[in-house]
Amino acid sequence: MAAARDGAVPARAAAVFDALGDQPRVRDLLVSAVREGRLSHAYLFVGAPGSGMEEAALALAQCVVCPNDGCGACDDCRRVAHRTHPDVQWLTPGSVTGYLVDQVRDLIESVNRAPSRARAKAYVLENAGLLRGTSANALLKTIEEPPEGVVFILLARSVASVLPTIVSRCQVVPFRTIAPSVALDEVMHRSGASEAEARVALSVAGTPSRASDFLASPSRREVRRLVVRILDELGRDDSWDVLCSARDLLAAVRVPLKDVQVAQDEAAKESADFLTASALKQVADANKRELTARERSGIMEALAAADSLLRDVLVRCEGVPQKIVNEDAAAVVDRLAASTGTSGALAALDAVSSAGDDLAHNVSPQLALEVMLLRIKEALACPPSFR
C-alpha cells in the first residue's frame, strides 16, 4: 500500500503514532512501514492488557484511511478516533466461547466491498485468540490474501493463544510491559497532572495514553468520583438505595456515548445515498456493537476505580506502610477500613472481579452492577478483627 499517492510523504505522515511514546520500538516499526509504503496486509499485536495495543491499532487504522497517512487532524482521523469511520471496523467475539461463524461471514462480505469514503479499509479484531474452529478456517484465506487496500489488525495476549495458521499469515508485533514509574512519568508529561492525579488515572485507565485521555475527560472523571461516593455510602444505604446507585452509575457511564452516537448518526446520513439497504443495516449493526463495546469499556473503568479504592482499603486493613493510590479519597478509605477487616476487603474485591466476569459472559450491565454493589455492601459489613 503506497504511503502517498504521488510518492511524496506528507510532513506529518504517521503523526498519530506520536502517542506511542511508551512503545518506541513499535512506534518506529509502524512509522517506517507507513512512510516507506510497505504496510503489511495483516498484523498481530501481542501483549498484556494495558500495553497500548488498542492505541496502536487505532493509530494504524488512521494511517490506513487518512489521505495524509495518519495526520491525526483530518475528518477521517477524527472519525477513526471516535470509532465511527465506515471503513474501519472493530470486532469483538460474538460469544463467550469465541467469534461466531456468522460474524466472520459478514466480515468477509464486507472485506470484498469497496471502501465507503476512504482509499482503503482496516479491520481490528480484538481477542484474536478466540478465533477458532470453523470461524478461523473461514477467515484464513481472506487474511492471507485480502483485496488490495485492506489491512487486518489482530490483538491477542500472546502468540501461543492464537492458532498457528493465523499467526503464520500475520506480521507479529510484540508489546512490552511498561514499568510503573515510566508510565507515571509519561502521564504527568502528557497531561500536566500531579503525581497523585496520574496514579489515580493509571489505576483506572491502565495505559499512559488512556490515563491521559481519562484526565482530559470530565465525564469519565465524574464516573470515578461517583464510584468513590457510592462505596462510601454503601454502609448507610438500604437495598433500594443500592439499586438506585447502580442505575445512576450506569447512566454516568453512558454520558460520553452521546457524542459518539451523534457522530454515528451523521456518518450514517452521509452514507445513505451510496450504500445499499443491506450495507446500511450492516453499518447500523456495527455501530450498535460499537456503542455496546464502549459502554462495557466505560463500566470496566468504573470497576477499575472500585478495585483501586478497595485495594487501598486492604492496604489500610493490613497496616502496610505504603502510599495509597487514591490520596484524594483518603478519608473514604480510612472510613471503610475502620468498619471492616481484611476478609471483608478481600470479599469486596472478589465482588468487583466477579462483576467483570459477569460482563464478559454477557450479563446485563445493570444487573452486574447491582449484584456487585450488594455483594460489596455485604462484604464491607464484616467487622474488623483485632489488630
Protein backbone atom coordinates (compact mmCIF):
# COMPACT_ATOMS: atom_id res chain seq x y z
CA MET A 1 0.00 0.00 0.00
CA ALA A 2 1.56 3.28 -1.06
CA ALA A 3 2.32 5.79 1.63
CA ALA A 4 1.20 8.66 -0.59
CA ARG A 5 -0.48 8.78 -3.96
CA ASP A 6 2.20 10.84 -5.74
CA GLY A 7 5.14 9.26 -3.94
CA ALA A 8 5.74 12.26 -1.70
CA VAL A 9 5.32 11.66 2.02
CA PRO A 10 3.38 14.40 3.86
CA ALA A 11 5.37 16.21 6.53
CA ARG A 12 3.13 14.92 9.31
CA ALA A 13 2.57 11.44 7.91
CA ALA A 14 2.12 8.93 10.75
CA ALA A 15 1.80 11.76 13.29
CA VAL A 16 -0.81 9.63 15.08
CA PHE A 17 1.99 7.35 16.30
CA ASP A 18 3.38 10.17 18.45
CA ALA A 19 1.06 8.87 21.17
CA LEU A 20 3.04 5.60 21.34
CA GLY A 21 6.00 7.10 23.17
CA ASP A 22 5.82 4.31 25.74
CA GLN A 23 6.32 1.72 22.98
CA PRO A 24 9.18 3.25 20.95
CA ARG A 25 10.09 0.05 19.09
CA VAL A 26 6.51 -0.48 17.95
CA ARG A 27 6.16 3.20 17.05
CA ASP A 28 9.31 3.23 14.94
CA LEU A 29 8.37 -0.01 13.18
CA LEU A 30 4.93 1.22 12.17
CA VAL A 31 6.06 4.74 11.27
CA SER A 32 8.69 3.31 8.92
CA ALA A 33 6.15 0.98 7.32
CA VAL A 34 3.76 3.87 6.65
CA ARG A 35 6.38 6.30 5.37
CA GLU A 36 8.04 3.71 3.16
CA GLY A 37 4.74 2.46 1.77
CA ARG A 38 5.23 -1.14 2.94
CA LEU A 39 2.32 -1.79 5.28
CA SER A 40 1.62 -5.47 5.78
CA HIS A 41 -1.79 -6.84 4.85
CA ALA A 42 -2.15 -8.32 8.37
CA TYR A 43 -0.65 -7.54 11.79
CA LEU A 44 -0.86 -9.49 15.04
CA PHE A 45 -0.30 -7.26 18.07
CA VAL A 46 0.54 -9.30 21.17
CA GLY A 47 0.93 -8.07 24.73
CA ALA A 48 -0.63 -7.74 28.14
CA PRO A 49 -3.73 -5.61 28.76
CA GLY A 50 -2.65 -2.02 29.22
CA SER A 51 0.41 -2.34 26.99
CA GLY A 52 -1.02 0.03 24.37
CA MET A 53 -2.13 -2.41 21.68
CA GLU A 54 -5.53 -0.79 21.16
CA GLU A 55 -3.96 2.65 20.88
CA ALA A 56 -1.52 1.33 18.28
CA ALA A 57 -4.35 -0.37 16.37
CA LEU A 58 -6.31 2.87 16.31
CA ALA A 59 -3.28 4.83 15.07
CA LEU A 60 -2.54 2.26 12.36
CA ALA A 61 -6.18 2.30 11.24
CA GLN A 62 -5.98 6.09 10.97
CA CYS A 63 -2.94 5.75 8.73
CA VAL A 64 -4.79 3.28 6.52
CA VAL A 65 -7.76 5.56 5.78
CA CYS A 66 -6.23 9.04 6.18
CA PRO A 67 -5.45 10.88 2.90
CA ASN A 68 -2.30 12.20 4.61
CA ASP A 69 -1.16 8.85 6.01
CA GLY A 70 -2.21 9.44 9.61
CA CYS A 71 -2.09 13.19 10.19
CA GLY A 72 -4.41 12.92 13.20
CA ALA A 73 -6.20 16.16 12.32
CA CYS A 74 -8.43 15.42 9.32
CA ASP A 75 -12.05 14.29 9.38
CA ASP A 76 -11.10 10.69 8.60
CA CYS A 77 -8.66 10.54 11.52
CA ARG A 78 -11.22 12.04 13.88
CA ARG A 79 -13.86 9.55 12.80
CA VAL A 80 -11.48 6.65 13.40
CA ALA A 81 -10.64 8.05 16.83
CA HIS A 82 -14.36 8.14 17.64
CA ARG A 83 -14.80 4.68 16.08
CA THR A 84 -17.40 5.98 13.65
CA HIS A 85 -15.48 5.67 10.38
CA PRO A 86 -17.38 3.39 7.95
CA ASP A 87 -14.16 1.93 6.57
CA VAL A 88 -12.69 0.91 9.93
CA GLN A 89 -14.42 -1.93 11.74
CA TRP A 90 -13.68 -3.07 15.31
CA LEU A 91 -14.78 -6.62 16.03
CA THR A 92 -15.11 -8.49 19.33
CA PRO A 93 -16.08 -12.14 19.87
CA GLY A 94 -19.82 -12.64 19.48
CA SER A 95 -19.99 -15.13 22.33
CA VAL A 96 -18.02 -16.08 25.43
CA THR A 97 -16.56 -19.05 23.55
CA GLY A 98 -15.27 -17.06 20.59
CA TYR A 99 -16.08 -15.49 17.25
CA LEU A 100 -19.24 -16.71 15.57
CA VAL A 101 -19.25 -18.11 12.05
CA ASP A 102 -21.86 -15.54 11.02
CA GLN A 103 -19.58 -12.77 12.28
CA VAL A 104 -16.77 -14.00 10.06
CA ARG A 105 -19.06 -14.42 7.06
CA ASP A 106 -20.29 -10.84 7.44
CA LEU A 107 -16.68 -9.71 7.78
CA ILE A 108 -15.62 -11.48 4.58
CA GLU A 109 -18.58 -9.99 2.70
CA SER A 110 -17.60 -6.53 3.97
CA VAL A 111 -13.94 -7.02 3.01
CA ASN A 112 -14.92 -7.68 -0.60
CA ARG A 113 -16.85 -4.41 -0.90
CA ALA A 114 -15.15 -1.18 -1.97
CA PRO A 115 -14.40 1.42 0.73
CA SER A 116 -17.25 3.81 1.51
CA ARG A 117 -15.27 7.04 1.70
CA ALA A 118 -11.55 6.33 2.16
CA ARG A 119 -8.84 4.91 -0.10
CA ALA A 120 -8.59 1.72 1.93
CA LYS A 121 -10.14 -0.22 4.83
CA ALA A 122 -8.99 -1.59 8.15
CA TYR A 123 -10.39 -4.37 10.34
CA VAL A 124 -9.41 -4.64 14.01
CA LEU A 125 -10.16 -7.99 15.70
CA GLU A 126 -9.87 -7.96 19.47
CA ASN A 127 -9.21 -11.17 21.43
CA ALA A 128 -7.87 -12.90 18.34
CA GLY A 129 -7.10 -15.91 20.49
CA LEU A 130 -10.84 -16.64 20.32
CA LEU A 131 -10.70 -17.11 16.55
CA ARG A 132 -11.01 -20.88 16.41
CA GLY A 133 -12.58 -23.78 14.60
CA THR A 134 -14.88 -23.04 11.69
CA SER A 135 -14.66 -19.29 12.24
CA ALA A 136 -10.87 -19.29 11.97
CA ASN A 137 -10.87 -21.54 8.92
CA ALA A 138 -13.36 -19.29 7.16
CA LEU A 139 -11.11 -16.28 7.70
CA LEU A 140 -7.73 -17.82 6.87
CA LYS A 141 -7.84 -17.30 3.11
CA THR A 142 -9.07 -13.72 3.46
CA ILE A 143 -6.33 -12.81 5.95
CA GLU A 144 -3.70 -14.42 3.73
CA GLU A 145 -4.79 -12.73 0.51
CA PRO A 146 -7.14 -9.82 1.24
CA PRO A 147 -8.25 -7.48 -1.56
CA GLU A 148 -5.97 -4.56 -2.36
CA GLY A 149 -6.26 -1.78 0.20
CA VAL A 150 -7.40 -3.94 3.15
CA VAL A 151 -5.39 -4.23 6.38
CA PHE A 152 -6.17 -6.63 9.24
CA ILE A 153 -5.04 -5.83 12.80
CA LEU A 154 -5.43 -8.67 15.29
CA LEU A 155 -4.96 -8.21 19.05
CA ALA A 156 -4.08 -11.04 21.44
CA ARG A 157 -2.43 -11.73 24.80
CA SER A 158 0.29 -13.90 23.29
CA VAL A 159 1.32 -15.69 20.11
CA ALA A 160 0.64 -19.01 21.83
CA SER A 161 -3.02 -18.09 22.33
CA VAL A 162 -3.59 -17.70 18.56
CA LEU A 163 -3.87 -20.56 16.09
CA PRO A 164 -0.52 -21.12 14.31
CA THR A 165 -2.25 -20.97 10.92
CA ILE A 166 -3.38 -17.42 11.69
CA VAL A 167 -0.03 -16.38 13.20
CA SER A 168 1.78 -17.51 10.04
CA ARG A 169 -0.31 -15.12 7.95
CA CYS A 170 0.43 -12.04 10.07
CA GLN A 171 3.37 -9.82 10.93
CA VAL A 172 3.74 -10.27 14.68
CA VAL A 173 4.36 -7.08 16.69
CA PRO A 174 5.13 -7.68 20.41
CA PHE A 175 4.32 -5.01 23.01
CA ARG A 176 6.44 -4.76 26.12
CA THR A 177 5.07 -4.27 29.63
CA ILE A 178 5.60 -0.69 30.80
CA ALA A 179 7.33 -0.09 34.14
CA PRO A 180 5.00 1.72 36.60
CA SER A 181 7.47 4.56 37.14
CA VAL A 182 7.83 5.11 33.40
CA ALA A 183 4.06 5.06 32.93
CA LEU A 184 3.61 7.57 35.75
CA ASP A 185 6.18 9.96 34.27
CA GLU A 186 4.55 9.62 30.85
CA VAL A 187 1.11 10.56 32.14
CA MET A 188 2.44 13.53 34.06
CA HIS A 189 4.35 14.72 30.98
CA ARG A 190 1.40 14.30 28.62
CA SER A 191 -1.31 15.78 30.80
CA GLY A 192 0.46 18.14 33.17
CA ALA A 193 -1.24 16.28 36.03
CA SER A 194 0.19 15.92 39.51
CA GLU A 195 1.71 12.63 40.59
CA ALA A 196 -1.37 11.87 42.71
CA GLU A 197 -3.73 12.52 39.78
CA ALA A 198 -1.60 10.44 37.44
CA ARG A 199 -1.55 7.49 39.87
CA VAL A 200 -5.34 7.52 40.06
CA ALA A 201 -5.69 7.82 36.28
CA LEU A 202 -3.38 4.86 35.66
CA SER A 203 -5.23 2.73 38.21
CA VAL A 204 -8.49 3.42 36.37
CA ALA A 205 -7.43 3.54 32.71
CA GLY A 206 -4.42 1.22 32.59
CA THR A 207 -2.11 2.74 29.96
CA PRO A 208 -0.44 6.17 29.83
CA SER A 209 -2.37 7.23 26.73
CA ARG A 210 -5.71 6.11 28.17
CA ALA A 211 -4.85 7.69 31.51
CA SER A 212 -4.13 10.99 29.77
CA ASP A 213 -7.46 10.75 27.93
CA PHE A 214 -9.17 9.96 31.23
CA LEU A 215 -7.72 13.08 32.85
CA ALA A 216 -8.91 15.17 29.90
CA SER A 217 -12.48 13.82 30.14
CA PRO A 218 -14.69 15.47 32.78
CA SER A 219 -17.41 12.85 32.30
CA ARG A 220 -15.03 9.92 32.86
CA ARG A 221 -13.54 11.55 35.93
CA GLU A 222 -17.06 12.12 37.21
CA VAL A 223 -17.75 8.37 36.92
CA ARG A 224 -14.76 7.69 39.14
CA ARG A 225 -15.92 10.30 41.69
CA LEU A 226 -19.36 8.70 41.68
CA VAL A 227 -17.83 5.27 42.34
CA VAL A 228 -15.97 6.67 45.37
CA ARG A 229 -19.13 8.30 46.72
CA ILE A 230 -21.24 5.17 46.20
CA LEU A 231 -18.72 2.95 48.03
CA ASP A 232 -18.51 5.48 50.85
CA GLU A 233 -22.29 5.47 51.31
CA LEU A 234 -22.92 1.72 50.95
CA GLY A 235 -22.83 1.11 54.68
CA ARG A 236 -25.70 3.56 55.22
CA ASP A 237 -27.74 2.56 52.17
CA ASP A 238 -30.63 0.11 52.10
CA SER A 239 -31.13 -2.30 49.20
CA TRP A 240 -33.26 0.15 47.23
CA ASP A 241 -30.57 2.81 47.55
CA VAL A 242 -28.01 0.36 46.24
CA LEU A 243 -30.14 -0.45 43.17
CA CYS A 244 -30.54 3.29 42.52
CA SER A 245 -26.80 3.75 42.82
CA ALA A 246 -26.22 1.07 40.18
CA ARG A 247 -28.69 2.85 37.90
CA ASP A 248 -27.00 6.22 38.44
CA LEU A 249 -23.57 4.75 37.81
CA LEU A 250 -24.66 3.19 34.52
CA ALA A 251 -26.25 6.49 33.46
CA ALA A 252 -22.99 8.31 34.20
CA VAL A 253 -21.02 5.77 32.14
CA ARG A 254 -23.34 6.42 29.20
CA VAL A 255 -22.87 10.22 29.18
CA PRO A 256 -19.72 10.17 26.96
CA LEU A 257 -21.52 7.88 24.49
CA LYS A 258 -23.99 10.57 23.43
CA ASP A 259 -21.41 12.37 21.29
CA VAL A 260 -20.37 9.08 19.71
CA GLN A 261 -23.96 8.27 18.80
CA VAL A 262 -24.44 11.71 17.23
CA ALA A 263 -21.29 11.19 15.13
CA GLN A 264 -22.53 7.74 14.07
CA ASP A 265 -25.89 9.16 13.03
CA GLU A 266 -24.21 11.89 10.96
CA ALA A 267 -21.96 9.35 9.25
CA ALA A 268 -24.97 7.14 8.50
CA LYS A 269 -26.78 10.07 6.85
CA GLU A 270 -23.77 10.76 4.64
CA SER A 271 -23.59 7.09 3.62
CA ALA A 272 -27.31 6.70 2.91
CA ASP A 273 -27.04 7.90 -0.70
CA PHE A 274 -24.42 5.42 -1.90
CA LEU A 275 -24.90 2.28 0.25
CA THR A 276 -27.46 -0.46 -0.33
CA ALA A 277 -30.10 -1.21 2.27
CA SER A 278 -28.18 -4.36 3.25
CA ALA A 279 -24.92 -2.42 3.65
CA LEU A 280 -26.67 0.28 5.69
CA LYS A 281 -28.06 -2.39 8.01
CA GLN A 282 -24.57 -3.82 8.47
CA VAL A 283 -23.26 -0.34 9.31
CA ALA A 284 -26.10 0.16 11.80
CA ASP A 285 -25.38 -3.22 13.40
CA ALA A 286 -21.67 -2.38 13.60
CA ASN A 287 -22.47 0.99 15.19
CA LYS A 288 -24.70 -0.70 17.74
CA ARG A 289 -21.97 -3.19 18.60
CA GLU A 290 -19.51 -0.32 18.92
CA LEU A 291 -21.73 1.56 21.37
CA THR A 292 -22.15 -1.63 23.39
CA ALA A 293 -18.38 -2.17 23.43
CA ARG A 294 -17.78 1.43 24.52
CA GLU A 295 -20.39 1.12 27.26
CA ARG A 296 -18.71 -2.03 28.56
CA SER A 297 -15.34 -0.27 28.39
CA GLY A 298 -16.76 2.56 30.50
CA ILE A 299 -18.16 0.08 33.00
CA MET A 300 -14.79 -1.66 33.21
CA GLU A 301 -13.24 1.71 34.06
CA ALA A 302 -15.80 2.09 36.83
CA LEU A 303 -14.91 -1.39 38.10
CA ALA A 304 -11.22 -0.47 37.95
CA ALA A 305 -11.96 2.62 40.06
CA ALA A 306 -13.76 0.47 42.63
CA ASP A 307 -10.95 -2.09 42.60
CA SER A 308 -8.35 0.64 43.14
CA LEU A 309 -10.19 2.12 46.11
CA LEU A 310 -10.80 -1.25 47.71
CA ARG A 311 -7.14 -2.21 47.32
CA ASP A 312 -6.31 0.93 49.27
CA VAL A 313 -8.77 -0.22 51.93
CA LEU A 314 -6.97 -3.57 52.05
CA VAL A 315 -3.63 -1.79 52.47
CA ARG A 316 -5.04 0.12 55.44
CA CYS A 317 -6.60 -3.02 56.95
CA GLU A 318 -3.27 -4.83 56.73
CA GLY A 319 -1.36 -1.86 58.10
CA VAL A 320 1.05 -1.89 55.17
CA PRO A 321 3.31 1.18 55.33
CA GLN A 322 2.88 2.29 51.73
CA LYS A 323 1.25 5.24 50.00
CA ILE A 324 -2.31 4.60 48.85
CA VAL A 325 -3.30 5.37 45.25
CA ASN A 326 -6.48 7.30 45.98
CA GLU A 327 -4.95 10.03 48.10
CA ASP A 328 -7.79 12.43 47.28
CA ALA A 329 -10.20 9.90 48.82
CA ALA A 330 -8.07 9.05 51.86
CA ALA A 331 -10.91 9.88 54.25
CA VAL A 332 -13.20 7.43 52.44
CA VAL A 333 -10.50 4.74 52.51
CA ASP A 334 -9.98 5.26 56.24
CA ARG A 335 -13.72 5.09 57.00
CA LEU A 336 -14.14 1.85 55.06
CA ALA A 337 -11.02 0.32 56.60
CA ALA A 338 -12.20 1.24 60.09
CA SER A 339 -15.54 -0.50 59.57
CA THR A 340 -14.29 -3.75 58.02
CA GLY A 341 -11.32 -6.08 58.06
CA THR A 342 -9.02 -7.91 55.71
CA SER A 343 -11.57 -10.62 54.95
CA GLY A 344 -14.20 -8.00 54.17
CA ALA A 345 -11.88 -6.07 51.86
CA LEU A 346 -10.90 -9.26 50.05
CA ALA A 347 -14.54 -10.28 49.64
CA ALA A 348 -15.35 -6.83 48.25
CA LEU A 349 -12.51 -7.09 45.75
CA ASP A 350 -13.81 -10.51 44.73
CA ALA A 351 -17.22 -8.93 44.07
CA VAL A 352 -15.60 -6.46 41.66
CA SER A 353 -13.73 -9.26 39.88
CA SER A 354 -16.93 -11.30 39.58
CA ALA A 355 -18.72 -8.31 38.05
CA GLY A 356 -16.05 -8.18 35.34
CA ASP A 357 -16.56 -11.89 34.67
CA ASP A 358 -20.32 -11.36 34.50
CA LEU A 359 -19.90 -8.66 31.87
CA ALA A 360 -17.62 -10.95 29.86
CA HIS A 361 -20.40 -13.56 29.96
CA ASN A 362 -22.96 -11.07 28.61
CA VAL A 363 -24.79 -10.43 31.87
CA SER A 364 -26.66 -7.14 31.55
CA PRO A 365 -24.59 -4.18 32.84
CA GLN A 366 -27.38 -3.04 35.17
CA LEU A 367 -27.66 -6.46 36.80
CA ALA A 368 -23.88 -6.88 37.04
CA LEU A 369 -23.53 -3.54 38.85
CA GLU A 370 -26.46 -4.23 41.17
CA VAL A 371 -25.09 -7.61 42.22
CA MET A 372 -21.60 -6.19 42.67
CA LEU A 373 -22.71 -3.32 44.90
CA LEU A 374 -24.93 -5.56 47.02
CA ARG A 375 -22.04 -8.01 47.47
CA ILE A 376 -19.63 -5.20 48.36
CA LYS A 377 -22.13 -3.84 50.89
CA GLU A 378 -22.39 -7.26 52.50
CA ALA A 379 -18.61 -7.77 52.42
CA LEU A 380 -17.76 -4.42 53.98
CA ALA A 381 -20.16 -5.17 56.82
CA CYS A 382 -17.67 -7.78 58.05
CA PRO A 383 -16.31 -6.31 61.32
CA PRO A 384 -12.55 -5.85 61.62
CA SER A 385 -10.67 -8.41 63.62
CA PHE A 386 -8.43 -7.32 66.50
CA ARG A 387 -5.38 -5.51 65.19
